Amino acid sequence: MIRARHSMFNTIILLTGPAEHSIFTTLLRAHNPELTVLPAFTEADLVAIEPEWLARARLIAFNTPVIVPKHALEQLGYGAYNFHPGSPQYPGRAPAHMALAERAADFGATVHRMVEQVGAGPIVDVELFAIPSDITVAGLEEEAYSKLIQMFWRLAGVLATQQEPLVQRALRWGDRQNFGRAYRKNGNILHPIPPDQLPHIEMFGADHLGIVPSIELPGFRFPAEVPEAEAAEA
């Protein structure tokens, strides 16, 4: 178990992937050399952090599917912020899939204060960009990830030094949680689909989030075909 030694804000719990952790730690400590940055990659890592540490810490989640336990959110002394790879219109999982399914004109990335409900909480920052007409899910996710990196660089100083909550923007989330749950469960693309949208399914790619999309018709279910080159890259 991790044990606390201090009683003031000097800790950030960084919930992200290993590739980002070392770079982000260096950046955060450049703004605050006294800062302790604790790595967390899984829910188990979060559970292992004692309440004394949580009481003097801020949590930053970056592009991660890990859900922060309720007890951890409640015990964090300086809040938790999530870097979400989707615009406010698309909270929760699989935001890029939903944006392409709806043929959205724009997409982006969102930073928000975390609350118990996933894909909610006051919005701190947003970056939007126009969606190219021929982009795939993988391409859209890469664009959103790039925006997240830029936002992290921009907010790192405030996150590392400011004890007060970050300033919130007057923006609201869209209601898109059900799509993320349904897609995560079985990758189903529900019938009916207008004929002119059937070729659009190819943009979903293969095996994103561990799921191969399928089309369900009465009594039948067909996996969406993906070009071999794209399947090899997935």
Protein backbone atom coordinates (compact mmCIF):
# COMPACT_ATOMS: atom_id res chain seq x y z
CA MET A 1 0.00 0.00 0.00
CA ILE A 2 1.10 3.59 -0.69
CA ARG A 3 1.48 5.63 2.53
CA ALA A 4 1.21 9.38 2.91
CA ARG A 5 3.87 11.58 4.45
CA HIS A 6 2.61 15.14 3.87
CA SER A 7 -0.57 17.14 4.50
CA MET A 8 -0.76 19.60 1.62
CA PHE A 9 -1.44 19.51 -2.10
CA ASN A 10 1.69 18.02 -3.58
CA THR A 11 0.43 14.93 -5.39
CA ILE A 12 -1.09 14.09 -8.73
CA ILE A 13 -2.41 10.63 -9.50
CA LEU A 14 -1.87 10.12 -13.20
CA LEU A 15 -4.26 7.56 -14.68
CA THR A 16 -3.09 6.91 -18.21
CA GLY A 17 -1.12 4.49 -20.36
CA PRO A 18 2.59 3.74 -19.83
CA ALA A 19 3.55 5.61 -23.01
CA GLU A 20 2.14 8.91 -21.75
CA HIS A 21 3.07 8.53 -18.11
CA SER A 22 6.78 9.37 -18.23
CA ILE A 23 6.32 12.34 -20.58
CA PHE A 24 3.41 13.80 -18.63
CA THR A 25 5.22 13.31 -15.32
CA THR A 26 8.20 15.28 -16.62
CA LEU A 27 5.92 18.05 -17.86
CA LEU A 28 3.94 18.31 -14.61
CA ARG A 29 7.08 18.37 -12.46
CA ALA A 30 8.61 21.04 -14.68
CA HIS A 31 5.76 23.29 -13.51
CA ASN A 32 6.00 22.10 -9.90
CA PRO A 33 9.31 20.43 -8.92
CA GLU A 34 7.93 19.50 -5.49
CA LEU A 35 5.11 17.51 -7.05
CA THR A 36 4.78 13.79 -6.50
CA VAL A 37 3.22 11.99 -9.46
CA LEU A 38 1.77 8.57 -8.69
CA PRO A 39 1.23 6.21 -11.63
CA ALA A 40 -2.09 4.40 -12.01
CA PHE A 41 -2.88 2.16 -14.97
CA THR A 42 -5.75 0.05 -13.62
CA GLU A 43 -8.60 0.23 -11.13
CA ALA A 44 -6.55 -1.97 -8.82
CA ASP A 45 -3.82 0.68 -8.78
CA LEU A 46 -6.37 3.26 -7.65
CA VAL A 47 -7.76 1.00 -4.94
CA ALA A 48 -4.21 0.55 -3.55
CA ILE A 49 -3.85 4.28 -2.82
CA GLU A 50 -4.62 5.02 0.82
CA PRO A 51 -7.18 7.69 1.81
CA GLU A 52 -4.45 9.90 3.30
CA TRP A 53 -2.88 10.25 -0.14
CA LEU A 54 -6.22 10.80 -1.85
CA ALA A 55 -7.06 13.62 0.54
CA ARG A 56 -4.11 15.69 -0.69
CA ALA A 57 -4.12 14.62 -4.31
CA ARG A 58 -5.61 15.56 -7.67
CA LEU A 59 -6.35 12.81 -10.19
CA ILE A 60 -5.82 13.26 -13.92
CA ALA A 61 -7.26 10.62 -16.25
CA PHE A 62 -6.04 10.74 -19.84
CA ASN A 63 -7.66 8.75 -22.64
CA THR A 64 -8.31 5.74 -20.42
CA PRO A 65 -11.19 3.23 -20.23
CA VAL A 66 -10.63 2.77 -16.47
CA ILE A 67 -13.57 3.94 -14.36
CA VAL A 68 -12.47 5.67 -11.17
CA PRO A 69 -14.19 4.07 -8.14
CA LYS A 70 -16.76 6.21 -6.36
CA HIS A 71 -14.91 6.08 -3.05
CA ALA A 72 -11.75 7.43 -4.68
CA LEU A 73 -13.60 10.35 -6.28
CA GLU A 74 -15.19 11.21 -2.95
CA GLN A 75 -11.88 11.16 -1.05
CA LEU A 76 -9.78 13.15 -3.52
CA GLY A 77 -8.97 16.48 -1.91
CA TYR A 78 -8.30 18.40 -5.12
CA GLY A 79 -10.68 16.90 -7.63
CA ALA A 80 -10.33 14.67 -10.65
CA TYR A 81 -10.13 15.69 -14.29
CA ASN A 82 -10.64 13.54 -17.35
CA PHE A 83 -9.22 14.10 -20.85
CA HIS A 84 -11.96 12.58 -23.01
CA PRO A 85 -11.24 11.70 -26.68
CA GLY A 86 -14.53 13.09 -27.95
CA SER A 87 -16.50 16.31 -28.11
CA PRO A 88 -19.20 17.09 -25.49
CA GLN A 89 -21.85 15.85 -27.92
CA TYR A 90 -20.39 12.33 -27.54
CA PRO A 91 -19.73 11.37 -23.90
CA GLY A 92 -18.82 7.88 -22.75
CA ARG A 93 -17.26 5.07 -24.77
CA ALA A 94 -16.89 4.88 -28.56
CA PRO A 95 -17.41 8.60 -29.28
CA ALA A 96 -15.70 8.43 -32.68
CA HIS A 97 -17.98 5.60 -33.78
CA MET A 98 -21.06 7.59 -32.87
CA ALA A 99 -19.84 10.74 -34.61
CA LEU A 100 -19.27 8.83 -37.86
CA ALA A 101 -22.55 6.96 -37.55
CA GLU A 102 -24.36 10.29 -37.30
CA ARG A 103 -22.23 11.88 -40.02
CA ALA A 104 -21.34 14.70 -37.65
CA ALA A 105 -19.74 17.80 -39.14
CA ASP A 106 -17.23 18.19 -36.34
CA PHE A 107 -15.59 16.26 -33.52
CA GLY A 108 -13.02 17.00 -30.89
CA ALA A 109 -11.71 16.46 -27.36
CA THR A 110 -13.01 17.48 -23.95
CA VAL A 111 -11.51 18.08 -20.51
CA HIS A 112 -13.98 17.88 -17.64
CA ARG A 113 -14.15 17.52 -13.91
CA MET A 114 -15.03 13.94 -13.01
CA VAL A 115 -18.17 12.97 -11.12
CA GLU A 116 -19.64 9.58 -10.29
CA GLN A 117 -21.58 9.36 -13.56
CA VAL A 118 -19.32 8.42 -16.46
CA GLY A 119 -19.16 10.96 -19.30
CA ALA A 120 -20.50 13.80 -17.20
CA GLY A 121 -19.18 16.53 -14.93
CA PRO A 122 -18.51 20.24 -15.51
CA ILE A 123 -16.59 20.96 -18.72
CA VAL A 124 -13.27 22.79 -18.44
CA ASP A 125 -11.97 22.89 -22.02
CA VAL A 126 -12.96 21.78 -25.54
CA GLU A 127 -11.12 21.55 -28.86
CA LEU A 128 -13.14 20.95 -32.04
CA PHE A 129 -12.19 20.22 -35.64
CA ALA A 130 -14.05 19.53 -38.87
CA ILE A 131 -14.43 15.83 -39.76
CA PRO A 132 -12.99 14.95 -43.21
CA SER A 133 -15.52 13.17 -45.40
CA ASP A 134 -13.40 10.04 -45.92
CA ILE A 135 -11.93 9.57 -42.43
CA THR A 136 -12.09 6.22 -40.59
CA VAL A 137 -12.68 5.61 -36.90
CA ALA A 138 -8.94 5.09 -36.39
CA GLY A 139 -8.18 8.36 -38.16
CA LEU A 140 -10.78 10.26 -36.16
CA GLU A 141 -9.45 8.84 -32.91
CA GLU A 142 -5.93 9.91 -33.86
CA GLU A 143 -7.10 13.46 -34.51
CA ALA A 144 -8.88 13.57 -31.16
CA TYR A 145 -5.80 12.16 -29.40
CA SER A 146 -3.67 14.90 -30.94
CA LYS A 147 -6.06 17.52 -29.54
CA LEU A 148 -5.89 15.88 -26.12
CA ILE A 149 -2.10 16.14 -26.12
CA GLN A 150 -2.30 19.84 -26.96
CA MET A 151 -4.85 20.41 -24.20
CA PHE A 152 -2.73 18.57 -21.64
CA TRP A 153 0.26 20.77 -22.51
CA ARG A 154 -1.91 23.87 -22.15
CA LEU A 155 -3.44 22.89 -18.80
CA ALA A 156 -0.45 21.14 -17.20
CA GLY A 157 0.75 24.23 -15.34
CA VAL A 158 -2.64 24.90 -13.77
CA LEU A 159 -3.19 21.25 -12.88
CA ALA A 160 0.24 20.99 -11.26
CA THR A 161 0.14 24.19 -9.21
CA GLN A 162 -3.40 25.46 -8.65
CA GLN A 163 -5.15 24.05 -5.61
CA GLU A 164 -8.53 25.56 -6.53
CA PRO A 165 -10.83 23.78 -9.01
CA LEU A 166 -10.26 24.64 -12.66
CA VAL A 167 -12.56 27.24 -14.20
CA GLN A 168 -15.64 25.65 -15.75
CA ARG A 169 -17.17 26.56 -19.11
CA ALA A 170 -20.87 27.03 -19.79
CA LEU A 171 -21.12 23.94 -21.99
CA ARG A 172 -23.35 20.90 -21.68
CA TRP A 173 -22.89 17.25 -22.56
CA GLY A 174 -24.93 15.55 -25.28
CA ASP A 175 -26.99 12.44 -24.54
CA ARG A 176 -25.06 9.67 -26.29
CA GLN A 177 -24.28 7.20 -23.47
CA ASN A 178 -26.64 4.47 -24.70
CA PHE A 179 -24.74 4.06 -27.98
CA GLY A 180 -21.46 3.50 -26.17
CA ARG A 181 -22.99 0.84 -23.92
CA ALA A 182 -24.68 -0.96 -26.81
CA TYR A 183 -21.58 -0.89 -29.01
CA ARG A 184 -19.32 -2.06 -26.20
CA LYS A 185 -21.73 -4.93 -25.47
CA ASN A 186 -22.00 -6.49 -28.89
CA GLY A 187 -20.97 -4.12 -31.69
CA ASN A 188 -24.46 -4.21 -33.12
CA ILE A 189 -25.54 -1.67 -35.75
CA LEU A 190 -29.31 -1.75 -35.58
CA HIS A 191 -31.65 -2.13 -38.57
CA PRO A 192 -33.10 -0.28 -40.39
CA ILE A 193 -30.20 1.45 -42.13
CA PRO A 194 -30.91 3.62 -45.18
CA PRO A 195 -29.35 1.98 -48.27
CA ASP A 196 -27.14 4.99 -48.95
CA GLN A 197 -25.54 4.60 -45.53
CA LEU A 198 -24.51 0.94 -45.84
CA PRO A 199 -21.12 1.74 -47.47
CA HIS A 200 -20.52 4.14 -44.58
CA ILE A 201 -20.17 1.16 -42.21
CA GLU A 202 -16.72 0.45 -43.65
CA MET A 203 -15.49 3.57 -41.90
CA PHE A 204 -15.99 1.80 -38.57
CA GLY A 205 -13.00 -0.44 -39.27
CA ALA A 206 -12.39 -3.74 -37.52
CA ASP A 207 -11.97 -4.76 -33.91
CA HIS A 208 -12.03 -1.29 -32.33
CA LEU A 209 -12.60 -1.70 -28.58
CA GLY A 210 -12.26 -5.46 -29.18
CA ILE A 211 -15.45 -5.58 -31.22
CA VAL A 212 -16.16 -6.29 -34.88
CA PRO A 213 -19.27 -4.33 -35.96
CA SER A 214 -22.25 -6.25 -37.31
CA ILE A 215 -25.58 -5.52 -38.95
CA GLU A 216 -28.69 -7.14 -37.51
CA LEU A 217 -31.68 -7.87 -39.74
CA PRO A 218 -34.76 -9.86 -38.73
CA GLY A 219 -33.48 -13.38 -38.08
CA PHE A 220 -29.94 -12.69 -39.34
CA ARG A 221 -26.75 -11.00 -38.21
CA PHE A 222 -23.93 -10.12 -40.59
CA PRO A 223 -20.41 -9.02 -39.61
CA ALA A 224 -19.37 -5.85 -41.41
CA GLU A 225 -16.74 -6.56 -44.04
CA VAL A 226 -13.49 -4.66 -43.75
CA PRO A 227 -10.83 -4.29 -46.45
CA GLU A 228 -7.89 -6.61 -45.77
CA ALA A 229 -5.39 -3.73 -45.62
CA GLU A 230 -7.41 -1.94 -42.94
CA ALA A 231 -7.96 -5.14 -40.95
CA ALA A 232 -4.20 -5.75 -40.91
CA GLU A 233 -3.60 -2.27 -39.51
CA ALA A 234 -6.24 -2.56 -36.77
